[in-house]
Amino acid sequence: MLTREELTSVIRERIGMILLDDLDDLGEFDQHDDLDGAPGTGAAAYLGTDNLVDIGLNSLMLARLVIQLAAEFGGDPFSDGSATLADARTVDELVTVYERALRSGSEQPA
């Protein structure tokens, strides 16, 4: 089973990738650009206590994140009713939802 730190790392990495992809789609990011200071582009760009909406995730991005995490961890804690998106308003809360799901055995890492 993954540790909380490993879960946090994976989830923050996926969030960063989605935010960068959005910047790229908007033409606000070039692969040769320096990422320092770009919004949401690194683990240090936001805190675990930051609201997912405040760091730049909209509903479509959140759906993409959940799909990516389902593929990563082998399931979706939101689809079986063990959690709701209202339980995951911050990065830390999202980590907790997946931590509980993995701990309960309802989902196993791939």
C-alpha atoms as a PDB file:
ATOM      1  CA  MET A   1       0.000   0.000   0.000  1.00  0.00           C
ATOM      2  CA  LEU A   2       1.199   3.495  -0.780  1.00  0.00           C
ATOM      3  CA  THR A   3       2.138   5.802   2.068  1.00  0.00           C
ATOM      4  CA  ARG A   4       0.368   9.133   2.525  1.00  0.00           C
ATOM      5  CA  GLU A   5       3.491  10.878   1.243  1.00  0.00           C
ATOM      6  CA  GLU A   6       3.512   8.731  -1.906  1.00  0.00           C
ATOM      7  CA  LEU A   7      -0.207   9.354  -2.476  1.00  0.00           C
ATOM      8  CA  THR A   8       0.328  13.072  -1.983  1.00  0.00           C
ATOM      9  CA  SER A   9       3.201  13.062  -4.443  1.00  0.00           C
ATOM     10  CA  VAL A  10       1.215  11.225  -7.136  1.00  0.00           C
ATOM     11  CA  ILE A  11      -1.867  13.407  -6.696  1.00  0.00           C
ATOM     12  CA  ARG A  12       0.125  16.654  -6.716  1.00  0.00           C
ATOM     13  CA  GLU A  13       2.025  15.505  -9.810  1.00  0.00           C
ATOM     14  CA  ARG A  14      -1.234  14.727 -11.629  1.00  0.00           C
ATOM     15  CA  ILE A  15      -2.701  18.101 -10.629  1.00  0.00           C
ATOM     16  CA  GLY A  16       0.402  19.858 -11.919  1.00  0.00           C
ATOM     17  CA  MET A  17       0.234  17.979 -15.224  1.00  0.00           C
ATOM     18  CA  ILE A  18      -3.427  18.916 -15.711  1.00  0.00           C
ATOM     19  CA  LEU A  19      -2.753  22.566 -14.901  1.00  0.00           C
ATOM     20  CA  LEU A  20       0.208  22.651 -17.301  1.00  0.00           C
ATOM     21  CA  ASP A  21      -1.867  20.989 -19.997  1.00  0.00           C
ATOM     22  CA  ASP A  22      -4.493  23.693 -19.551  1.00  0.00           C
ATOM     23  CA  LEU A  23      -1.856  26.433 -19.829  1.00  0.00           C
ATOM     24  CA  ASP A  24      -0.573  24.756 -22.991  1.00  0.00           C
ATOM     25  CA  ASP A  25      -4.093  24.575 -24.441  1.00  0.00           C
ATOM     26  CA  LEU A  26      -4.537  28.290 -23.751  1.00  0.00           C
ATOM     27  CA  GLY A  27      -1.244  29.079 -25.477  1.00  0.00           C
ATOM     28  CA  GLU A  28       0.157  30.411 -22.210  1.00  0.00           C
ATOM     29  CA  PHE A  29       2.900  27.816 -21.948  1.00  0.00           C
ATOM     30  CA  ASP A  30       5.713  26.864 -24.265  1.00  0.00           C
ATOM     31  CA  GLN A  31       7.681  23.687 -23.590  1.00  0.00           C
ATOM     32  CA  HIS A  32      10.844  25.793 -23.560  1.00  0.00           C
ATOM     33  CA  ASP A  33       9.500  28.273 -21.005  1.00  0.00           C
ATOM     34  CA  ASP A  34      10.940  28.436 -17.528  1.00  0.00           C
ATOM     35  CA  LEU A  35       8.270  27.005 -15.218  1.00  0.00           C
ATOM     36  CA  ASP A  36       9.368  28.939 -12.141  1.00  0.00           C
ATOM     37  CA  GLY A  37       6.552  31.195 -11.107  1.00  0.00           C
ATOM     38  CA  ALA A  38       3.971  29.797 -13.523  1.00  0.00           C
ATOM     39  CA  PRO A  39       0.722  29.199 -11.628  1.00  0.00           C
ATOM     40  CA  GLY A  40       0.241  25.658 -10.398  1.00  0.00           C
ATOM     41  CA  THR A  41       3.349  24.303 -12.072  1.00  0.00           C
ATOM     42  CA  GLY A  42       5.055  22.587  -9.193  1.00  0.00           C
ATOM     43  CA  ALA A  43       4.538  20.947  -5.860  1.00  0.00           C
ATOM     44  CA  ALA A  44       5.578  24.183  -4.178  1.00  0.00           C
ATOM     45  CA  ALA A  45       3.072  26.177  -6.224  1.00  0.00           C
ATOM     46  CA  TYR A  46       0.249  25.329  -3.816  1.00  0.00           C
ATOM     47  CA  LEU A  47      -0.295  23.961  -0.338  1.00  0.00           C
ATOM     48  CA  GLY A  48      -2.222  20.884   0.679  1.00  0.00           C
ATOM     49  CA  THR A  49      -4.722  23.145   2.405  1.00  0.00           C
ATOM     50  CA  ASP A  50      -5.429  25.089  -0.783  1.00  0.00           C
ATOM     51  CA  ASN A  51      -8.865  24.664  -2.302  1.00  0.00           C
ATOM     52  CA  LEU A  52      -8.759  22.722  -5.589  1.00  0.00           C
ATOM     53  CA  VAL A  53     -10.757  25.479  -7.316  1.00  0.00           C
ATOM     54  CA  ASP A  54      -8.403  28.164  -5.999  1.00  0.00           C
ATOM     55  CA  ILE A  55      -5.344  26.458  -7.504  1.00  0.00           C
ATOM     56  CA  GLY A  56      -7.038  26.497 -10.888  1.00  0.00           C
ATOM     57  CA  LEU A  57      -8.924  23.203 -11.228  1.00  0.00           C
ATOM     58  CA  ASN A  58     -12.313  23.612 -12.827  1.00  0.00           C
ATOM     59  CA  SER A  59     -14.942  20.848 -12.956  1.00  0.00           C
ATOM     60  CA  LEU A  60     -13.615  19.387 -16.208  1.00  0.00           C
ATOM     61  CA  MET A  61     -10.073  19.321 -14.866  1.00  0.00           C
ATOM     62  CA  LEU A  62     -11.281  17.689 -11.658  1.00  0.00           C
ATOM     63  CA  ALA A  63     -13.035  15.013 -13.715  1.00  0.00           C
ATOM     64  CA  ARG A  64      -9.811  14.424 -15.660  1.00  0.00           C
ATOM     65  CA  LEU A  65      -7.907  14.181 -12.386  1.00  0.00           C
ATOM     66  CA  VAL A  66     -10.319  11.599 -10.966  1.00  0.00           C
ATOM     67  CA  ILE A  67     -10.076   9.552 -14.180  1.00  0.00           C
ATOM     68  CA  GLN A  68      -6.263   9.657 -14.071  1.00  0.00           C
ATOM     69  CA  LEU A  69      -6.211   8.696 -10.404  1.00  0.00           C
ATOM     70  CA  ALA A  70      -8.671   5.854 -11.049  1.00  0.00           C
ATOM     71  CA  ALA A  71      -6.269   4.492 -13.664  1.00  0.00           C
ATOM     72  CA  GLU A  72      -3.301   5.018 -11.332  1.00  0.00           C
ATOM     73  CA  PHE A  73      -4.866   3.401  -8.260  1.00  0.00           C
ATOM     74  CA  GLY A  74      -7.169   0.877  -9.918  1.00  0.00           C
ATOM     75  CA  GLY A  75     -10.506   2.393  -8.973  1.00  0.00           C
ATOM     76  CA  ASP A  76     -12.566   5.417  -8.099  1.00  0.00           C
ATOM     77  CA  PRO A  77     -13.689   6.025  -4.486  1.00  0.00           C
ATOM     78  CA  PHE A  78     -16.362   8.414  -5.769  1.00  0.00           C
ATOM     79  CA  SER A  79     -18.120   5.857  -7.970  1.00  0.00           C
ATOM     80  CA  ASP A  80     -18.838   3.391  -5.158  1.00  0.00           C
ATOM     81  CA  GLY A  81     -20.335   6.023  -2.873  1.00  0.00           C
ATOM     82  CA  SER A  82     -17.632   5.783  -0.221  1.00  0.00           C
ATOM     83  CA  ALA A  83     -16.818   9.451  -0.865  1.00  0.00           C
ATOM     84  CA  THR A  84     -18.272  12.462  -2.626  1.00  0.00           C
ATOM     85  CA  LEU A  85     -16.497  15.304  -4.360  1.00  0.00           C
ATOM     86  CA  ALA A  86     -17.664  17.505  -1.472  1.00  0.00           C
ATOM     87  CA  ASP A  87     -15.314  15.427   0.708  1.00  0.00           C
ATOM     88  CA  ALA A  88     -12.365  16.585  -1.404  1.00  0.00           C
ATOM     89  CA  ARG A  89     -12.325  20.362  -1.517  1.00  0.00           C
ATOM     90  CA  THR A  90      -8.573  20.655  -0.872  1.00  0.00           C
ATOM     91  CA  VAL A  91      -5.502  18.746  -1.984  1.00  0.00           C
ATOM     92  CA  ASP A  92      -5.152  17.245   1.499  1.00  0.00           C
ATOM     93  CA  GLU A  93      -8.809  16.178   1.558  1.00  0.00           C
ATOM     94  CA  LEU A  94      -8.406  14.522  -1.844  1.00  0.00           C
ATOM     95  CA  VAL A  95      -5.381  12.635  -0.545  1.00  0.00           C
ATOM     96  CA  THR A  96      -7.406  11.544   2.492  1.00  0.00           C
ATOM     97  CA  VAL A  97     -10.235  10.218   0.290  1.00  0.00           C
ATOM     98  CA  TYR A  98      -7.802   8.045  -1.681  1.00  0.00           C
ATOM     99  CA  GLU A  99      -5.898   7.048   1.455  1.00  0.00           C
ATOM    100  CA  ARG A 100      -9.124   5.786   3.069  1.00  0.00           C
ATOM    101  CA  ALA A 101     -10.147   3.955  -0.097  1.00  0.00           C
ATOM    102  CA  LEU A 102      -6.793   2.217  -0.392  1.00  0.00           C
ATOM    103  CA  ARG A 103      -6.706   1.396   3.308  1.00  0.00           C
ATOM    104  CA  SER A 104     -10.224  -0.066   3.268  1.00  0.00           C
ATOM    105  CA  GLY A 105      -9.196  -2.422   0.491  1.00  0.00           C
ATOM    106  CA  SER A 106     -11.892  -1.153  -1.864  1.00  0.00           C
ATOM    107  CA  GLU A 107      -9.140  -0.098  -4.249  1.00  0.00           C
ATOM    108  CA  GLN A 108      -5.737  -1.530  -4.873  1.00  0.00           C
ATOM    109  CA  PRO A 109      -2.843   0.251  -6.576  1.00  0.00           C
ATOM    110  CA  ALA A 110      -2.159  -1.013 -10.070  1.00  0.00           C
END
